[in-house]
Protein backbone atom coordinates (compact mmCIF):
# COMPACT_ATOMS: atom_id res chain seq x y z
CA MET A 1 -3.40 -4.42 -20.92
CA ARG A 2 -1.87 -6.06 -23.90
CA ARG A 3 -3.07 -3.81 -26.04
CA THR A 4 -2.82 -0.17 -23.64
CA LEU A 5 1.18 -1.36 -22.90
CA THR A 6 2.00 -2.18 -26.50
CA LEU A 7 0.91 1.82 -27.44
CA ILE A 8 2.79 3.26 -24.70
CA ALA A 9 5.81 1.42 -26.41
CA LEU A 10 5.11 2.38 -29.30
CA ALA A 11 4.76 6.11 -28.18
CA SER A 12 7.52 6.12 -26.14
CA LEU A 13 9.92 4.97 -28.96
CA THR A 14 8.41 7.40 -31.40
CA ALA A 15 9.06 10.09 -28.67
CA LEU A 16 13.14 8.73 -28.61
CA SER A 17 13.13 8.90 -32.41
CA ALA A 18 12.49 12.48 -32.53
CA GLY A 19 14.34 13.59 -29.48
CA SER A 20 17.32 12.21 -31.43
CA ALA A 21 17.26 14.64 -34.47
CA SER A 22 19.57 16.47 -32.74
CA ALA A 23 23.91 15.28 -32.66
CA TYR A 24 24.04 16.37 -28.73
CA VAL A 25 22.17 15.31 -26.10
CA THR A 26 20.90 18.23 -24.22
CA TYR A 27 19.65 19.04 -20.89
CA SER A 28 18.14 22.80 -19.94
CA GLY A 29 16.03 24.13 -17.60
CA VAL A 30 14.41 28.01 -16.95
CA ASP A 31 13.94 29.82 -13.31
CA GLY A 32 11.57 32.47 -14.52
CA ASN A 33 12.25 35.61 -12.05
CA GLY A 34 11.15 38.97 -12.85
CA SER A 35 12.39 40.57 -10.32
CA ALA A 36 16.40 41.83 -9.85
CA SER A 37 16.22 39.74 -6.87
CA ARG A 38 18.32 36.74 -6.43
CA LEU A 39 15.72 33.66 -6.45
CA ALA A 40 15.05 31.61 -3.10
CA THR A 41 14.64 27.97 -5.48
CA THR A 42 15.77 27.44 -8.88
CA PRO A 43 14.09 23.62 -8.91
CA ASN A 44 14.38 23.26 -13.29
CA SER A 45 17.84 24.45 -13.67
CA SER A 46 18.89 21.92 -10.59
CA LEU A 47 16.98 19.64 -11.79
CA ALA A 48 19.09 19.92 -15.66
CA ASP A 49 22.09 20.01 -13.73
CA SER A 50 21.79 16.93 -11.35
CA THR A 51 20.17 14.97 -14.52
CA PHE A 52 22.94 15.77 -16.69
CA ARG A 53 25.83 15.06 -14.12
CA SER A 54 24.18 11.41 -13.62
CA ASN A 55 25.17 10.37 -16.74
CA LEU A 56 29.33 11.66 -15.56
CA THR A 57 31.34 10.80 -12.97
CA GLY A 58 34.34 12.42 -12.29
CA VAL A 59 34.02 15.53 -13.59
CA GLY A 60 35.12 18.92 -12.51
CA THR A 61 33.43 22.62 -11.93
CA GLU A 62 34.62 25.71 -12.25
CA THR A 63 32.72 27.92 -9.55
CA PHE A 64 34.96 30.95 -10.32
CA GLU A 65 34.99 30.93 -6.75
CA THR A 66 39.50 31.47 -6.81
CA GLN A 67 39.15 33.82 -9.40
CA THR A 68 40.45 37.38 -8.66
CA VAL A 69 36.96 39.70 -8.55
CA GLY A 70 37.71 42.11 -11.31
CA ALA A 71 40.33 39.64 -13.14
CA PRO A 72 39.17 40.07 -17.66
CA ALA A 73 40.23 37.54 -20.31
CA PRO A 74 42.33 35.64 -21.32
CA LEU A 75 41.38 33.72 -17.79
CA VAL A 76 42.53 30.03 -17.05
CA LEU A 77 39.55 27.97 -15.92
CA ASN A 78 40.33 24.89 -13.86
CA PHE A 79 38.47 21.78 -13.98
CA GLY A 80 40.32 18.98 -11.96
CA VAL A 81 40.61 16.47 -13.48
CA ALA A 82 38.71 17.14 -16.12
CA GLY A 83 41.95 19.73 -17.13
CA THR A 84 42.12 23.07 -17.94
CA ALA A 85 41.22 25.60 -20.27
CA GLU A 86 41.71 29.12 -21.20
CA LEU A 87 38.41 31.80 -21.41
CA THR A 88 39.27 34.16 -24.32
CA GLY A 89 37.81 37.31 -25.42
CA GLY A 90 34.48 39.00 -24.64
CA GLY A 91 35.25 41.79 -22.38
CA GLY A 92 33.78 40.01 -19.80
CA ARG A 93 35.49 40.35 -16.32
CA VAL A 94 35.01 38.01 -13.30
CA THR A 95 32.19 39.87 -11.04
CA ALA A 96 30.98 39.34 -7.33
CA THR A 97 27.39 39.01 -5.95
CA ASP A 98 28.23 41.28 -3.30
CA SER A 99 29.74 43.92 -5.35
CA GLY A 100 26.31 44.68 -6.52
CA SER A 101 25.77 42.87 -9.50
CA ILE A 102 22.66 41.58 -7.26
CA GLY A 103 20.54 44.98 -7.97
CA VAL A 104 20.49 44.64 -11.68
CA GLY A 105 19.81 40.64 -11.44
CA ARG A 106 22.92 38.50 -12.08
CA TYR A 107 24.28 36.57 -9.32
CA SER A 108 26.51 33.33 -8.59
CA VAL A 109 24.26 29.85 -8.75
CA PRO A 110 23.84 27.94 -7.67
CA GLY A 111 25.95 29.40 -4.77
CA GLY A 112 29.14 31.28 -4.04
CA SER A 113 29.60 34.64 -5.00
CA ASN A 114 31.87 35.11 -7.91
CA TYR A 115 30.37 34.77 -11.38
CA TRP A 116 31.46 35.54 -15.16
CA ASP A 117 30.23 38.80 -15.88
CA VAL A 118 30.06 39.56 -19.83
CA THR A 119 28.20 42.37 -21.80
CA ALA A 120 25.73 40.94 -24.86
CA SER A 121 26.85 41.64 -28.58
CA ALA A 122 28.31 40.23 -31.52
CA ALA A 123 31.73 41.87 -30.37
CA ASN A 124 31.60 40.61 -27.04
CA SER A 125 31.35 36.78 -27.77
CA PHE A 126 33.52 34.42 -25.96
CA GLN A 127 35.43 30.80 -26.07
CA ILE A 128 36.63 28.33 -23.44
CA ASN A 129 39.57 26.55 -25.34
CA PHE A 130 39.74 23.41 -23.37
CA SER A 131 43.37 21.22 -22.86
CA GLN A 132 41.48 17.98 -24.23
CA GLU A 133 39.24 16.80 -26.33
CA ILE A 134 35.74 17.40 -24.30
CA ALA A 135 32.44 15.33 -24.32
CA ALA A 136 30.41 17.17 -22.22
CA PHE A 137 29.64 20.38 -21.10
CA GLY A 138 27.52 22.65 -18.90
CA PHE A 139 27.05 25.90 -17.52
CA TYR A 140 24.50 28.17 -15.42
CA GLY A 141 23.25 31.48 -16.98
CA ILE A 142 21.75 34.36 -15.03
CA ASP A 143 19.96 37.23 -16.30
CA ILE A 144 19.83 35.90 -19.78
CA GLY A 145 16.90 37.91 -22.28
CA ASP A 146 15.24 40.63 -20.38
CA PHE A 147 15.99 42.92 -23.03
CA ASP A 148 15.46 39.87 -25.57
CA GLY A 149 19.73 39.70 -25.62
CA THR A 150 19.92 36.10 -26.98
CA VAL A 151 23.12 33.34 -26.17
CA GLN A 152 24.77 30.19 -29.37
CA LEU A 153 27.07 27.90 -28.26
CA ASP A 154 29.09 27.21 -31.06
CA PHE A 155 31.13 23.89 -30.37
CA VAL A 156 34.32 23.64 -32.56
CA ASN A 157 36.82 20.67 -32.56
CA GLY A 158 40.51 20.80 -32.97
CA ALA A 159 40.90 21.31 -36.42
CA ASN A 160 38.61 24.75 -35.64
CA GLN A 161 35.95 23.69 -37.33
CA VAL A 162 32.02 24.35 -35.81
CA ILE A 163 30.87 20.71 -35.40
CA SER A 164 27.14 22.04 -34.03
CA SER A 165 25.61 25.57 -33.18
CA LEU A 166 22.75 25.18 -30.80
CA ASN A 167 20.58 27.84 -29.41
CA VAL A 168 20.40 28.23 -25.37
CA PRO A 169 17.22 28.49 -24.21
CA SER A 170 16.08 31.58 -21.55
CA ALA A 171 12.70 32.17 -19.56
CA SER A 172 10.18 35.20 -21.75
CA ARG A 173 11.30 38.53 -21.55
CA ALA A 174 8.64 39.73 -19.24
CA LEU A 175 10.48 36.44 -16.33
CA ALA A 176 13.96 36.84 -17.69
CA ASN A 177 15.03 39.72 -15.28
CA GLY A 178 17.29 38.20 -12.64
CA SER A 179 16.14 34.38 -13.85
CA VAL A 180 18.60 31.06 -13.73
CA LEU A 181 18.83 28.57 -16.40
CA TYR A 182 20.93 25.27 -17.19
CA PHE A 183 21.93 23.85 -20.22
CA GLY A 184 24.46 20.81 -20.88
CA VAL A 185 25.63 18.72 -23.78
CA ILE A 186 26.58 15.66 -24.03
CA ALA A 187 28.10 13.96 -27.68
CA SER A 188 26.48 11.02 -28.85
CA ASN A 189 29.48 9.70 -30.88
CA SER A 190 33.73 10.31 -31.25
CA ALA A 191 33.14 12.67 -33.93
CA GLU A 192 31.20 15.68 -31.78
CA LEU A 193 34.18 15.92 -29.41
CA PHE A 194 34.98 19.43 -29.22
CA ARG A 195 38.36 21.46 -28.38
CA SER A 196 37.07 24.54 -28.03
CA VAL A 197 32.73 26.31 -27.43
CA ARG A 198 32.31 29.84 -28.38
CA PHE A 199 29.48 31.74 -26.62
CA ASN A 200 27.63 34.21 -29.60
CA THR A 201 25.71 36.59 -27.62
CA THR A 202 23.38 39.55 -28.56
CA GLY A 203 22.49 42.19 -27.24
CA GLY A 204 18.92 43.96 -26.50
CA GLY A 205 16.69 45.77 -29.31
CA GLY A 206 17.30 49.33 -29.77
CA VAL A 207 20.00 51.47 -27.55
CA THR A 208 19.76 48.70 -24.50
CA THR A 209 22.82 46.93 -24.39
CA ASP A 210 21.40 43.16 -22.36
CA VAL A 211 24.39 42.04 -19.99
CA PHE A 212 24.56 37.91 -18.62
CA GLY A 213 26.19 36.17 -16.45
CA PHE A 214 27.56 32.64 -16.16
CA ASP A 215 28.62 30.58 -13.74
CA SER A 216 29.42 27.16 -12.22
CA MET A 217 30.66 25.53 -15.44
CA THR A 218 31.54 21.27 -16.05
CA ILE A 219 32.93 19.70 -18.29
CA GLY A 220 33.91 16.16 -18.25
CA THR A 221 36.04 13.48 -21.32
CA GLN A 222 34.45 10.90 -23.64
CA ALA A 223 35.58 8.55 -20.51
CA GLN A 224 34.26 10.38 -18.07
CA VAL A 225 30.58 10.09 -19.49
CA VAL A 226 28.92 6.90 -17.64
CA PRO A 227 29.61 4.17 -17.82
CA PRO A 228 32.70 5.16 -19.68
CA GLY A 229 32.34 6.18 -23.15
CA ARG A 230 29.07 5.09 -23.56
CA VAL A 231 26.57 7.12 -25.61
CA PRO A 232 23.71 8.98 -23.23
CA GLU A 233 20.10 8.06 -23.80
CA PRO A 234 16.92 10.53 -24.09
CA GLY A 235 15.21 10.27 -21.34
CA SER A 236 12.04 8.50 -22.78
CA LEU A 237 14.12 5.55 -23.37
CA ALA A 238 13.73 4.69 -19.64
CA LEU A 239 10.10 4.89 -20.69
CA VAL A 240 10.36 2.18 -23.94
CA GLY A 241 11.96 0.31 -21.42
CA ALA A 242 9.36 0.33 -18.73
CA ALA A 243 6.42 -0.87 -21.23
CA LEU A 244 8.07 -3.55 -22.81
CA LEU A 245 9.07 -4.95 -19.49
CA GLY A 246 5.65 -4.29 -18.52
CA LEU A 247 4.87 -6.26 -22.30
CA GLY A 248 6.83 -8.68 -21.30
CA TYR A 249 4.97 -9.61 -17.93
CA ALA A 250 1.66 -9.20 -19.54
CA ARG A 251 2.32 -12.05 -21.70
CA ARG A 252 3.59 -14.03 -19.09
CA ARG A 253 0.08 -13.50 -17.17
CA ARG A 254 -2.11 -14.35 -20.06
CA SER A 255 0.52 -17.55 -20.94
């Protein structure tokens, strides 16, 4: 029993070490679809969303529901106590699910009708500039990758320097049509706080241009990380704790 628990603890520490290679703690989940219709449930992306939020308190979310349908950038986003932001560039517009976009695989997630719709290409990349330094950012992406289009995020500090770039996962091409993903990041320290997030999008191959939907963007300041200011930890750390507690219990039984 003691040897088994020791192996569990060592395996967990190895997993933790591997998961700490990236500066930001990331949360992601993808629900494949393969159809232009709305998914009835989104278990993977919803779990990523809830896990991301479990590390935060009092955060604000821009759902686009109060935005004017058809409005282009620049667009003011409201995140409540976490502040405001300005969405610039991209050539996108606020779109409503009931306007017919559901027929091509894009819709509001996790509910409502409005979302941000943008044609994917290097020329149509867009940026969100926050009113203060931000430690956490998460969002839903819809219909990403059905024509091999991709999304890369650049996190930019107050000196306009790119701190880090992360590729956003998506479903395989066969299941990307109408798919839903959630992607969130939380800074591990004050050096990773950012003032802007740049969405670099690429279209599909050949003559086809991909189009993406984005919705329910959540942000949090460093003070809103739970408890305030702590470094979020990968889930594997919980396994380490459980294994070490088990070791202590086994030792007490043997003594």
